[in-house]
Amino acid sequence: MRLPNSAHTWRPWRIHEIASDFRVEDVWALPTPGGPGDFPAVVQLFTSMDASLNGSPVVRNLMQLRWKIGALLGWDSAGAGVHARVGTLKDRLPADLRNGSTEPNFEALPFTPLYFTDDEFAAEMANRTMHGILHLGWVQDGDAYRGQLAVLVKPNGLFGAAYMASILPLRRLLVYPAGMRRIERVWQAGVESKAGR
């Protein structure tokens, strides 16, 4: 379920300390109900996903098209990423986060982990269109907990702002809803597997 940006901004997340110049693009409640200690499983689920290969056929085709266009136009070249076009946000981390865990690494998606705490995980990526942050949080929801996803971006100039605006309807109407259904299926399968032990 899509949430208002305030669902992310009012919480005292550590990401606010390092990304005040990024804008909140999207916030979603994740269909991952669990207990207080289940956050590492949510992070593991995200870092092992590959939306371009395992998503719905529509999302898979959109992602493949995006990567092909990006390759053709050089949007995702080595010179467009973190440490090349933009500096890493790791340089902004306070000492306790810099010295903490960043594991696990992403298996297929082009994100680099920044930090991992008991209730937060953040990773970054950059290309010619933007510098982005994927932020996962573990929030109490009634008697249970659930994951919360926030995407923060800093568009690269007018082109980046126009690109982000142009893909907004596709992300909100197709990509995220399909992703949420997939996350729910994978999460539920994991819960059922644990219960069957």
N, C-alpha and C. Protein backbone atom coordinates (compact mmCIF):
# COMPACT_ATOMS: atom_id res chain seq x y z
N MET A 1 0.84 -1.17 0.00
CA MET A 1 0.00 0.00 0.00
C MET A 1 0.89 1.24 0.00
N ARG A 2 0.59 2.16 -0.91
CA ARG A 2 1.33 3.42 -0.96
C ARG A 2 0.96 4.28 0.24
N LEU A 3 1.96 4.92 0.82
CA LEU A 3 1.78 5.77 1.99
C LEU A 3 2.15 7.20 1.64
N PRO A 4 1.65 8.17 2.42
CA PRO A 4 2.11 9.55 2.21
C PRO A 4 3.59 9.67 2.59
N ASN A 5 4.26 10.62 1.98
CA ASN A 5 5.68 10.82 2.28
C ASN A 5 5.93 11.05 3.76
N SER A 6 4.95 11.64 4.43
CA SER A 6 5.11 11.91 5.87
C SER A 6 5.28 10.63 6.69
N ALA A 7 4.83 9.48 6.17
CA ALA A 7 5.02 8.22 6.88
C ALA A 7 6.50 7.90 7.03
N HIS A 8 7.31 8.47 6.15
CA HIS A 8 8.76 8.31 6.24
C HIS A 8 9.39 9.51 6.96
N THR A 9 8.98 10.70 6.59
CA THR A 9 9.69 11.89 7.07
C THR A 9 9.51 12.16 8.56
N TRP A 10 8.40 11.74 9.17
CA TRP A 10 8.19 12.05 10.59
C TRP A 10 8.95 11.10 11.51
N ARG A 11 9.37 9.96 11.00
CA ARG A 11 10.08 9.00 11.84
C ARG A 11 11.54 9.44 12.02
N PRO A 12 12.12 9.12 13.16
CA PRO A 12 13.50 9.56 13.42
C PRO A 12 14.55 8.64 12.78
N TRP A 13 14.40 8.38 11.49
CA TRP A 13 15.34 7.51 10.79
C TRP A 13 16.72 8.15 10.73
N ARG A 14 17.73 7.35 10.76
CA ARG A 14 19.10 7.84 10.64
C ARG A 14 19.38 8.39 9.23
N ILE A 15 18.65 7.94 8.23
CA ILE A 15 18.88 8.40 6.87
C ILE A 15 18.71 9.91 6.75
N HIS A 16 17.88 10.50 7.62
CA HIS A 16 17.67 11.95 7.57
C HIS A 16 18.98 12.70 7.84
N GLU A 17 19.88 12.09 8.62
CA GLU A 17 21.15 12.73 8.96
C GLU A 17 22.06 12.89 7.75
N ILE A 18 21.91 12.00 6.76
CA ILE A 18 22.86 12.00 5.64
C ILE A 18 22.23 12.36 4.30
N ALA A 19 20.92 12.44 4.23
CA ALA A 19 20.28 12.64 2.93
C ALA A 19 19.28 13.79 2.94
N SER A 20 19.57 14.85 3.64
CA SER A 20 18.64 15.98 3.73
C SER A 20 18.45 16.67 2.38
N ASP A 21 19.39 16.49 1.45
CA ASP A 21 19.28 17.12 0.13
C ASP A 21 18.62 16.20 -0.90
N PHE A 22 18.11 15.06 -0.46
CA PHE A 22 17.37 14.15 -1.32
C PHE A 22 15.88 14.35 -1.07
N ARG A 23 15.07 14.13 -2.08
CA ARG A 23 13.62 14.24 -1.89
C ARG A 23 13.02 12.84 -1.79
N VAL A 24 11.96 12.74 -1.01
CA VAL A 24 11.25 11.47 -0.88
C VAL A 24 10.37 11.31 -2.11
N GLU A 25 10.62 10.26 -2.86
CA GLU A 25 9.89 10.00 -4.11
C GLU A 25 8.69 9.10 -3.88
N ASP A 26 8.87 8.06 -3.10
CA ASP A 26 7.80 7.08 -2.85
C ASP A 26 7.97 6.48 -1.47
N VAL A 27 6.83 6.13 -0.84
CA VAL A 27 6.84 5.41 0.43
C VAL A 27 5.75 4.34 0.34
N TRP A 28 6.11 3.12 0.68
CA TRP A 28 5.18 2.00 0.61
C TRP A 28 5.24 1.17 1.88
N ALA A 29 4.06 0.74 2.36
CA ALA A 29 3.99 -0.25 3.44
C ALA A 29 4.22 -1.60 2.79
N LEU A 30 5.12 -2.37 3.33
CA LEU A 30 5.43 -3.68 2.76
C LEU A 30 4.53 -4.75 3.37
N PRO A 31 4.08 -5.70 2.56
CA PRO A 31 3.24 -6.79 3.06
C PRO A 31 4.10 -7.87 3.73
N THR A 32 4.77 -7.47 4.82
CA THR A 32 5.72 -8.35 5.50
C THR A 32 5.45 -8.35 7.01
N PRO A 33 4.27 -8.79 7.43
CA PRO A 33 3.99 -8.78 8.87
C PRO A 33 4.93 -9.71 9.62
N GLY A 34 5.36 -9.27 10.79
CA GLY A 34 6.26 -10.11 11.57
C GLY A 34 6.45 -9.59 12.97
N GLY A 35 7.44 -10.16 13.61
CA GLY A 35 7.75 -9.79 14.98
C GLY A 35 8.92 -8.83 15.03
N PRO A 36 9.30 -8.41 16.23
CA PRO A 36 10.35 -7.40 16.37
C PRO A 36 11.69 -7.82 15.78
N GLY A 37 11.99 -9.10 15.73
CA GLY A 37 13.29 -9.55 15.23
C GLY A 37 13.33 -9.99 13.78
N ASP A 38 12.28 -9.71 13.02
CA ASP A 38 12.19 -10.21 11.64
C ASP A 38 12.76 -9.27 10.58
N PHE A 39 13.27 -8.12 10.98
CA PHE A 39 13.76 -7.17 9.98
C PHE A 39 14.87 -7.73 9.10
N PRO A 40 15.85 -8.48 9.62
CA PRO A 40 16.88 -9.02 8.73
C PRO A 40 16.31 -9.86 7.58
N ALA A 41 15.18 -10.53 7.81
CA ALA A 41 14.57 -11.32 6.74
C ALA A 41 14.02 -10.42 5.64
N VAL A 42 13.51 -9.24 6.00
CA VAL A 42 13.02 -8.29 5.00
C VAL A 42 14.20 -7.79 4.16
N VAL A 43 15.29 -7.46 4.81
CA VAL A 43 16.48 -6.98 4.09
C VAL A 43 16.99 -8.08 3.17
N GLN A 44 17.03 -9.31 3.64
CA GLN A 44 17.49 -10.43 2.82
C GLN A 44 16.59 -10.60 1.60
N LEU A 45 15.29 -10.47 1.79
CA LEU A 45 14.35 -10.58 0.68
C LEU A 45 14.66 -9.54 -0.39
N PHE A 46 14.87 -8.29 0.02
CA PHE A 46 15.13 -7.22 -0.94
C PHE A 46 16.47 -7.39 -1.64
N THR A 47 17.49 -7.76 -0.92
CA THR A 47 18.82 -7.85 -1.52
C THR A 47 18.95 -9.06 -2.44
N SER A 48 18.06 -10.02 -2.33
CA SER A 48 18.13 -11.19 -3.20
C SER A 48 17.19 -11.09 -4.41
N MET A 49 16.38 -10.03 -4.49
CA MET A 49 15.43 -9.89 -5.59
C MET A 49 16.08 -9.34 -6.84
N ASP A 50 15.51 -9.73 -7.97
CA ASP A 50 15.90 -9.18 -9.27
C ASP A 50 14.63 -8.94 -10.06
N ALA A 51 14.11 -7.72 -9.97
CA ALA A 51 12.82 -7.40 -10.60
C ALA A 51 12.85 -7.60 -12.11
N SER A 52 13.99 -7.40 -12.74
CA SER A 52 14.03 -7.50 -14.19
C SER A 52 13.90 -8.94 -14.68
N LEU A 53 14.23 -9.90 -13.82
CA LEU A 53 14.16 -11.30 -14.24
C LEU A 53 12.98 -12.05 -13.66
N ASN A 54 12.55 -11.71 -12.47
CA ASN A 54 11.55 -12.51 -11.78
C ASN A 54 10.22 -11.81 -11.54
N GLY A 55 10.05 -10.57 -11.99
CA GLY A 55 8.81 -9.86 -11.78
C GLY A 55 7.72 -10.31 -12.73
N SER A 56 6.62 -9.60 -12.74
CA SER A 56 5.54 -9.89 -13.67
C SER A 56 6.05 -9.67 -15.09
N PRO A 57 5.41 -10.27 -16.11
CA PRO A 57 5.87 -10.07 -17.49
C PRO A 57 5.91 -8.60 -17.90
N VAL A 58 4.92 -7.82 -17.48
CA VAL A 58 4.91 -6.39 -17.83
C VAL A 58 6.10 -5.69 -17.20
N VAL A 59 6.32 -5.91 -15.91
CA VAL A 59 7.45 -5.26 -15.22
C VAL A 59 8.76 -5.75 -15.79
N ARG A 60 8.87 -7.04 -16.04
CA ARG A 60 10.10 -7.60 -16.61
C ARG A 60 10.42 -6.92 -17.95
N ASN A 61 9.40 -6.77 -18.81
CA ASN A 61 9.62 -6.13 -20.11
C ASN A 61 9.98 -4.65 -19.95
N LEU A 62 9.33 -3.95 -19.02
CA LEU A 62 9.67 -2.54 -18.78
C LEU A 62 11.11 -2.40 -18.29
N MET A 63 11.51 -3.26 -17.37
CA MET A 63 12.88 -3.19 -16.85
C MET A 63 13.90 -3.51 -17.93
N GLN A 64 13.62 -4.52 -18.74
CA GLN A 64 14.55 -4.86 -19.82
C GLN A 64 14.67 -3.72 -20.82
N LEU A 65 13.53 -3.07 -21.13
CA LEU A 65 13.55 -1.92 -22.02
C LEU A 65 14.37 -0.78 -21.41
N ARG A 66 14.18 -0.52 -20.13
CA ARG A 66 14.94 0.54 -19.45
C ARG A 66 16.43 0.27 -19.51
N TRP A 67 16.83 -0.99 -19.24
CA TRP A 67 18.26 -1.30 -19.24
C TRP A 67 18.85 -1.19 -20.65
N LYS A 68 18.06 -1.57 -21.67
CA LYS A 68 18.55 -1.46 -23.05
C LYS A 68 18.72 0.00 -23.46
N ILE A 69 17.73 0.83 -23.13
CA ILE A 69 17.83 2.26 -23.43
C ILE A 69 19.00 2.87 -22.67
N GLY A 70 19.14 2.50 -21.41
CA GLY A 70 20.24 3.00 -20.59
C GLY A 70 21.59 2.63 -21.17
N ALA A 71 21.72 1.40 -21.66
CA ALA A 71 22.98 0.96 -22.26
C ALA A 71 23.26 1.72 -23.56
N LEU A 72 22.23 1.91 -24.36
CA LEU A 72 22.38 2.61 -25.63
C LEU A 72 22.80 4.07 -25.42
N LEU A 73 22.21 4.72 -24.43
CA LEU A 73 22.47 6.15 -24.19
C LEU A 73 23.55 6.41 -23.14
N GLY A 74 24.12 5.35 -22.57
CA GLY A 74 25.19 5.50 -21.59
C GLY A 74 24.73 5.97 -20.22
N TRP A 75 23.44 5.81 -19.91
CA TRP A 75 22.92 6.27 -18.62
C TRP A 75 23.54 5.53 -17.44
N ASP A 76 23.89 4.26 -17.66
CA ASP A 76 24.33 3.40 -16.56
C ASP A 76 25.81 3.04 -16.66
N SER A 77 26.57 3.78 -17.43
CA SER A 77 27.99 3.48 -17.59
C SER A 77 28.74 3.68 -16.27
N ALA A 78 29.93 3.12 -16.22
CA ALA A 78 30.74 3.22 -15.00
C ALA A 78 30.99 4.68 -14.62
N GLY A 79 31.11 5.56 -15.58
CA GLY A 79 31.35 6.96 -15.31
C GLY A 79 30.13 7.73 -14.84
N ALA A 80 28.97 7.05 -14.78
CA ALA A 80 27.73 7.71 -14.38
C ALA A 80 27.34 7.39 -12.94
N GLY A 81 28.06 6.49 -12.30
CA GLY A 81 27.62 5.99 -11.01
C GLY A 81 28.28 6.62 -9.80
N VAL A 82 28.09 5.94 -8.67
CA VAL A 82 28.69 6.36 -7.41
C VAL A 82 30.21 6.25 -7.55
N HIS A 83 30.93 7.19 -6.99
CA HIS A 83 32.38 7.33 -7.04
C HIS A 83 32.86 7.94 -8.35
N ALA A 84 31.95 8.11 -9.33
CA ALA A 84 32.35 8.71 -10.60
C ALA A 84 31.60 10.02 -10.79
N ARG A 85 30.30 9.95 -11.12
CA ARG A 85 29.51 11.17 -11.29
C ARG A 85 29.18 11.81 -9.97
N VAL A 86 28.93 10.99 -8.94
CA VAL A 86 28.62 11.49 -7.60
C VAL A 86 29.47 10.76 -6.57
N GLY A 87 29.71 11.43 -5.47
CA GLY A 87 30.42 10.78 -4.37
C GLY A 87 29.48 9.88 -3.59
N THR A 88 30.04 8.91 -2.93
CA THR A 88 29.23 7.99 -2.13
C THR A 88 28.71 8.67 -0.87
N LEU A 89 27.51 8.30 -0.49
CA LEU A 89 26.94 8.79 0.77
C LEU A 89 27.63 8.18 1.98
N LYS A 90 28.44 7.16 1.78
CA LYS A 90 29.20 6.58 2.90
C LYS A 90 30.09 7.65 3.54
N ASP A 91 30.52 8.60 2.74
CA ASP A 91 31.38 9.67 3.28
C ASP A 91 30.62 10.59 4.24
N ARG A 92 29.30 10.55 4.21
CA ARG A 92 28.49 11.39 5.10
C ARG A 92 28.07 10.66 6.38
N LEU A 93 28.32 9.36 6.43
CA LEU A 93 27.84 8.59 7.58
C LEU A 93 28.54 8.99 8.86
N PRO A 94 27.79 9.10 9.98
CA PRO A 94 28.44 9.29 11.27
C PRO A 94 29.24 8.03 11.61
N ALA A 95 30.18 8.16 12.52
CA ALA A 95 31.12 7.07 12.83
C ALA A 95 30.42 5.78 13.20
N ASP A 96 29.33 5.83 14.00
CA ASP A 96 28.70 4.59 14.43
C ASP A 96 28.09 3.83 13.26
N LEU A 97 27.58 4.54 12.24
CA LEU A 97 27.04 3.86 11.07
C LEU A 97 28.15 3.42 10.12
N ARG A 98 29.18 4.23 10.00
CA ARG A 98 30.29 3.89 9.11
C ARG A 98 30.99 2.62 9.58
N ASN A 99 31.05 2.43 10.88
CA ASN A 99 31.73 1.26 11.43
C ASN A 99 30.81 0.07 11.65
N GLY A 100 29.52 0.23 11.34
CA GLY A 100 28.56 -0.85 11.53
C GLY A 100 28.48 -1.77 10.31
N SER A 101 27.50 -2.64 10.33
CA SER A 101 27.31 -3.61 9.26
C SER A 101 26.68 -2.97 8.03
N THR A 102 27.11 -3.44 6.86
CA THR A 102 26.45 -3.07 5.61
C THR A 102 25.93 -4.30 4.88
N GLU A 103 26.20 -5.47 5.41
CA GLU A 103 25.75 -6.71 4.77
C GLU A 103 24.24 -6.83 4.92
N PRO A 104 23.56 -7.51 4.03
CA PRO A 104 24.09 -8.23 2.87
C PRO A 104 24.20 -7.33 1.64
N ASN A 105 24.96 -7.79 0.66
CA ASN A 105 25.07 -7.09 -0.61
C ASN A 105 23.94 -7.53 -1.53
N PHE A 106 23.60 -6.69 -2.49
CA PHE A 106 22.56 -7.03 -3.45
C PHE A 106 23.11 -8.06 -4.43
N GLU A 107 22.28 -9.05 -4.74
CA GLU A 107 22.70 -10.10 -5.65
C GLU A 107 22.59 -9.67 -7.11
N ALA A 108 21.59 -8.86 -7.45
CA ALA A 108 21.38 -8.53 -8.86
C ALA A 108 21.11 -7.06 -9.12
N LEU A 109 20.52 -6.35 -8.19
CA LEU A 109 20.17 -4.95 -8.42
C LEU A 109 21.39 -4.06 -8.20
N PRO A 110 21.46 -2.91 -8.90
CA PRO A 110 22.67 -2.08 -8.86
C PRO A 110 22.75 -1.12 -7.67
N PHE A 111 22.53 -1.65 -6.47
CA PHE A 111 22.61 -0.84 -5.26
C PHE A 111 23.82 -1.25 -4.44
N THR A 112 24.41 -0.28 -3.74
CA THR A 112 25.51 -0.54 -2.82
C THR A 112 25.02 -0.22 -1.41
N PRO A 113 25.09 -1.18 -0.48
CA PRO A 113 24.63 -0.92 0.88
C PRO A 113 25.41 0.21 1.55
N LEU A 114 24.68 0.99 2.36
CA LEU A 114 25.28 2.08 3.13
C LEU A 114 25.39 1.71 4.60
N TYR A 115 24.28 1.25 5.20
CA TYR A 115 24.29 0.85 6.60
C TYR A 115 23.11 -0.06 6.89
N PHE A 116 23.21 -0.79 8.00
CA PHE A 116 22.20 -1.76 8.42
C PHE A 116 22.16 -1.72 9.95
N THR A 117 21.01 -1.31 10.50
CA THR A 117 20.82 -1.28 11.95
C THR A 117 19.68 -2.23 12.31
N ASP A 118 19.27 -2.21 13.58
CA ASP A 118 18.17 -3.08 14.01
C ASP A 118 16.86 -2.79 13.30
N ASP A 119 16.66 -1.55 12.85
CA ASP A 119 15.38 -1.22 12.22
C ASP A 119 15.51 -0.41 10.93
N GLU A 120 16.72 -0.30 10.39
CA GLU A 120 16.94 0.46 9.16
C GLU A 120 18.00 -0.20 8.29
N PHE A 121 17.78 -0.10 6.98
CA PHE A 121 18.77 -0.51 5.98
C PHE A 121 18.70 0.51 4.86
N ALA A 122 19.86 0.99 4.41
CA ALA A 122 19.89 1.95 3.30
C ALA A 122 20.95 1.54 2.30
N ALA A 123 20.65 1.77 1.03
CA ALA A 123 21.58 1.47 -0.05
C ALA A 123 21.44 2.58 -1.10
N GLU A 124 22.49 2.77 -1.88
CA GLU A 124 22.49 3.84 -2.88
C GLU A 124 22.82 3.31 -4.26
N MET A 125 22.43 4.07 -5.26
CA MET A 125 22.83 3.84 -6.64
C MET A 125 22.81 5.19 -7.35
N ALA A 126 23.53 5.28 -8.45
CA ALA A 126 23.51 6.50 -9.25
C ALA A 126 23.68 6.14 -10.71
N ASN A 127 23.11 6.98 -11.56
CA ASN A 127 23.30 6.88 -13.00
C ASN A 127 23.19 8.29 -13.57
N ARG A 128 23.06 8.41 -14.86
CA ARG A 128 23.02 9.75 -15.47
C ARG A 128 21.72 10.49 -15.16
N THR A 129 20.67 9.78 -14.68
CA THR A 129 19.40 10.44 -14.41
C THR A 129 19.26 10.92 -12.97
N MET A 130 19.88 10.20 -12.02
CA MET A 130 19.69 10.55 -10.61
C MET A 130 20.68 9.83 -9.71
N HIS A 131 20.70 10.26 -8.46
CA HIS A 131 21.37 9.56 -7.35
C HIS A 131 20.23 9.13 -6.44
N GLY A 132 20.11 7.85 -6.17
CA GLY A 132 18.96 7.36 -5.42
C GLY A 132 19.32 6.55 -4.20
N ILE A 133 18.38 6.51 -3.26
CA ILE A 133 18.53 5.75 -2.02
C ILE A 133 17.32 4.84 -1.87
N LEU A 134 17.56 3.58 -1.60
CA LEU A 134 16.52 2.64 -1.20
C LEU A 134 16.63 2.53 0.32
N HIS A 135 15.56 2.87 1.01
CA HIS A 135 15.56 2.83 2.47
C HIS A 135 14.49 1.86 2.94
N LEU A 136 14.89 0.91 3.77
CA LEU A 136 13.96 -0.02 4.39
C LEU A 136 13.93 0.26 5.88
N GLY A 137 12.74 0.27 6.45
CA GLY A 137 12.58 0.43 7.88
C GLY A 137 11.67 -0.64 8.43
N TRP A 138 11.76 -0.88 9.72
CA TRP A 138 10.92 -1.87 10.41
C TRP A 138 10.08 -1.10 11.41
N VAL A 139 8.77 -1.06 11.17
CA VAL A 139 7.89 -0.21 11.96
C VAL A 139 6.82 -1.03 12.68
N GLN A 140 6.45 -0.57 13.85
CA GLN A 140 5.37 -1.23 14.59
C GLN A 140 4.05 -0.81 13.96
N ASP A 141 3.19 -1.81 13.75
CA ASP A 141 1.88 -1.58 13.13
C ASP A 141 0.86 -2.35 13.97
N GLY A 142 0.28 -1.68 14.97
CA GLY A 142 -0.61 -2.38 15.89
C GLY A 142 0.21 -3.28 16.79
N ASP A 143 -0.18 -4.56 16.86
CA ASP A 143 0.54 -5.54 17.68
C ASP A 143 1.70 -6.19 16.94
N ALA A 144 1.82 -5.94 15.64
CA ALA A 144 2.86 -6.57 14.83
C ALA A 144 3.82 -5.52 14.28
N TYR A 145 4.73 -5.97 13.49
CA TYR A 145 5.67 -5.11 12.79
C TYR A 145 5.53 -5.37 11.30
N ARG A 146 6.02 -4.44 10.49
CA ARG A 146 6.05 -4.63 9.04
C ARG A 146 7.16 -3.76 8.47
N GLY A 147 7.55 -4.10 7.27
CA GLY A 147 8.54 -3.31 6.58
C GLY A 147 7.94 -2.08 5.94
N GLN A 148 8.79 -1.09 5.75
CA GLN A 148 8.38 0.13 5.05
C GLN A 148 9.50 0.52 4.09
N LEU A 149 9.14 0.75 2.85
CA LEU A 149 10.09 1.12 1.81
C LEU A 149 9.96 2.60 1.49
N ALA A 150 11.07 3.28 1.44
CA ALA A 150 11.09 4.67 0.96
C ALA A 150 12.17 4.76 -0.12
N VAL A 151 11.85 5.49 -1.17
CA VAL A 151 12.80 5.76 -2.24
C VAL A 151 13.06 7.26 -2.23
N LEU A 152 14.33 7.62 -2.07
CA LEU A 152 14.74 9.02 -2.03
C LEU A 152 15.62 9.28 -3.25
N VAL A 153 15.46 10.44 -3.86
CA VAL A 153 16.23 10.72 -5.07
C VAL A 153 16.76 12.15 -5.08
N LYS A 154 17.84 12.31 -5.83
CA LYS A 154 18.35 13.61 -6.18
C LYS A 154 18.52 13.56 -7.70
N PRO A 155 17.55 14.13 -8.45
CA PRO A 155 17.65 14.08 -9.91
C PRO A 155 18.90 14.81 -10.41
N ASN A 156 19.42 14.34 -11.54
CA ASN A 156 20.59 14.95 -12.16
C ASN A 156 20.12 16.01 -13.15
N GLY A 157 19.97 17.24 -12.68
CA GLY A 157 19.60 18.36 -13.53
C GLY A 157 18.18 18.27 -14.07
N LEU A 158 17.91 19.09 -15.09
CA LEU A 158 16.58 19.13 -15.69
C LEU A 158 16.23 17.81 -16.37
N PHE A 159 17.21 17.20 -17.02
CA PHE A 159 16.96 15.91 -17.67
C PHE A 159 16.53 14.87 -16.63
N GLY A 160 17.26 14.80 -15.53
CA GLY A 160 16.92 13.82 -14.49
C GLY A 160 15.55 14.08 -13.90
N ALA A 161 15.21 15.35 -13.66
CA ALA A 161 13.89 15.69 -13.13
C ALA A 161 12.80 15.30 -14.11
N ALA A 162 13.02 15.56 -15.40
CA ALA A 162 12.03 15.20 -16.42
C ALA A 162 11.89 13.68 -16.52
N TYR A 163 13.01 12.98 -16.46
CA TYR A 163 12.97 11.51 -16.52
C TYR A 163 12.18 10.95 -15.34
N MET A 164 12.48 11.41 -14.13
CA MET A 164 11.79 10.91 -12.95
C MET A 164 10.29 11.20 -13.03
N ALA A 165 9.92 12.38 -13.52
CA ALA A 165 8.50 12.72 -13.67
C ALA A 165 7.83 11.84 -14.73
N SER A 166 8.55 11.53 -15.80
CA SER A 166 7.95 10.74 -16.88
C SER A 166 7.69 9.29 -16.48
N ILE A 167 8.51 8.74 -15.60
CA ILE A 167 8.31 7.34 -15.21
C ILE A 167 7.45 7.18 -13.96
N LEU A 168 7.05 8.30 -13.35
CA LEU A 168 6.25 8.23 -12.12
C LEU A 168 4.98 7.41 -12.29
N PRO A 169 4.16 7.63 -13.34
CA PRO A 169 2.94 6.82 -13.47
C PRO A 169 3.24 5.33 -13.63
N LEU A 170 4.27 4.99 -14.39
CA LEU A 170 4.63 3.58 -14.57
C LEU A 170 5.04 2.94 -13.25
N ARG A 171 5.84 3.67 -12.47
CA ARG A 171 6.29 3.13 -11.18
C ARG A 171 5.10 2.89 -10.25
N ARG A 172 4.24 3.89 -10.13
CA ARG A 172 3.15 3.80 -9.15
C ARG A 172 2.00 2.90 -9.59
N LEU A 173 1.76 2.80 -10.89
CA LEU A 173 0.63 1.99 -11.35
C LEU A 173 1.01 0.56 -11.71
N LEU A 174 2.26 0.33 -12.12
CA LEU A 174 2.66 -1.00 -12.57
C LEU A 174 3.78 -1.62 -11.74
N VAL A 175 4.89 -0.91 -11.63
CA VAL A 175 6.10 -1.50 -11.04
C VAL A 175 5.92 -1.80 -9.56
N TYR A 176 5.55 -0.80 -8.77
CA TYR A 176 5.42 -1.03 -7.33
C TYR A 176 4.30 -2.01 -6.98
N PRO A 177 3.09 -1.88 -7.55
CA PRO A 177 2.05 -2.86 -7.21
C PRO A 177 2.46 -4.30 -7.53
N ALA A 178 3.10 -4.51 -8.69
CA ALA A 178 3.56 -5.86 -9.03
C ALA A 178 4.63 -6.31 -8.04
N GLY A 179 5.52 -5.40 -7.68
CA GLY A 179 6.56 -5.73 -6.70
C GLY A 179 5.98 -6.09 -5.34
N MET A 180 4.96 -5.35 -4.91
CA MET A 180 4.33 -5.63 -3.62
C MET A 180 3.67 -7.01 -3.61
N ARG A 181 3.03 -7.38 -4.72
CA ARG A 181 2.41 -8.72 -4.81
C ARG A 181 3.48 -9.81 -4.73
N ARG A 182 4.59 -9.57 -5.40
CA ARG A 182 5.68 -10.55 -5.38
C ARG A 182 6.30 -10.65 -3.98
N ILE A 183 6.52 -9.51 -3.35
CA ILE A 183 7.07 -9.51 -1.99
C ILE A 183 6.14 -10.27 -1.05
N GLU A 184 4.84 -10.03 -1.17
CA GLU A 184 3.87 -10.71 -0.31
C GLU A 184 3.92 -12.22 -0.51
N ARG A 185 4.01 -12.68 -1.77
CA ARG A 185 4.08 -14.12 -2.05
C ARG A 185 5.34 -14.73 -1.44
N VAL A 186 6.48 -14.08 -1.67
CA VAL A 186 7.75 -14.61 -1.16
C VAL A 186 7.76 -14.60 0.36
N TRP A 187 7.28 -13.51 0.96
CA TRP A 187 7.26 -13.41 2.42
C TRP A 187 6.35 -14.48 3.02
N GLN A 188 5.17 -14.65 2.45
CA GLN A 188 4.22 -15.64 2.96
C GLN A 188 4.79 -17.06 2.83
N ALA A 189 5.46 -17.34 1.71
CA ALA A 189 6.08 -18.65 1.53
C ALA A 189 7.13 -18.90 2.61
N GLY A 190 7.89 -17.87 2.96
CA GLY A 190 8.89 -18.00 4.02
C GLY A 190 8.25 -18.23 5.38
N VAL A 191 7.13 -17.54 5.66
CA VAL A 191 6.42 -17.74 6.92
C VAL A 191 5.88 -19.16 7.01
N GLU A 192 5.30 -19.63 5.90
CA GLU A 192 4.74 -20.99 5.89
C GLU A 192 5.84 -22.03 6.02
N SER A 193 7.00 -21.76 5.42
CA SER A 193 8.14 -22.69 5.52
C SER A 193 8.62 -22.78 6.96
N LYS A 194 8.71 -21.64 7.66
CA LYS A 194 9.12 -21.66 9.07
C LYS A 194 8.11 -22.41 9.93
N ALA A 195 6.82 -22.20 9.64
CA ALA A 195 5.77 -22.86 10.44
C ALA A 195 5.78 -24.36 10.24
N GLY A 196 6.22 -24.82 9.07
CA GLY A 196 6.23 -26.25 8.77
C GLY A 196 7.40 -27.00 9.34
N ARG A 197 8.37 -26.27 9.91
CA ARG A 197 9.57 -26.92 10.47
C ARG A 197 9.25 -27.69 11.74
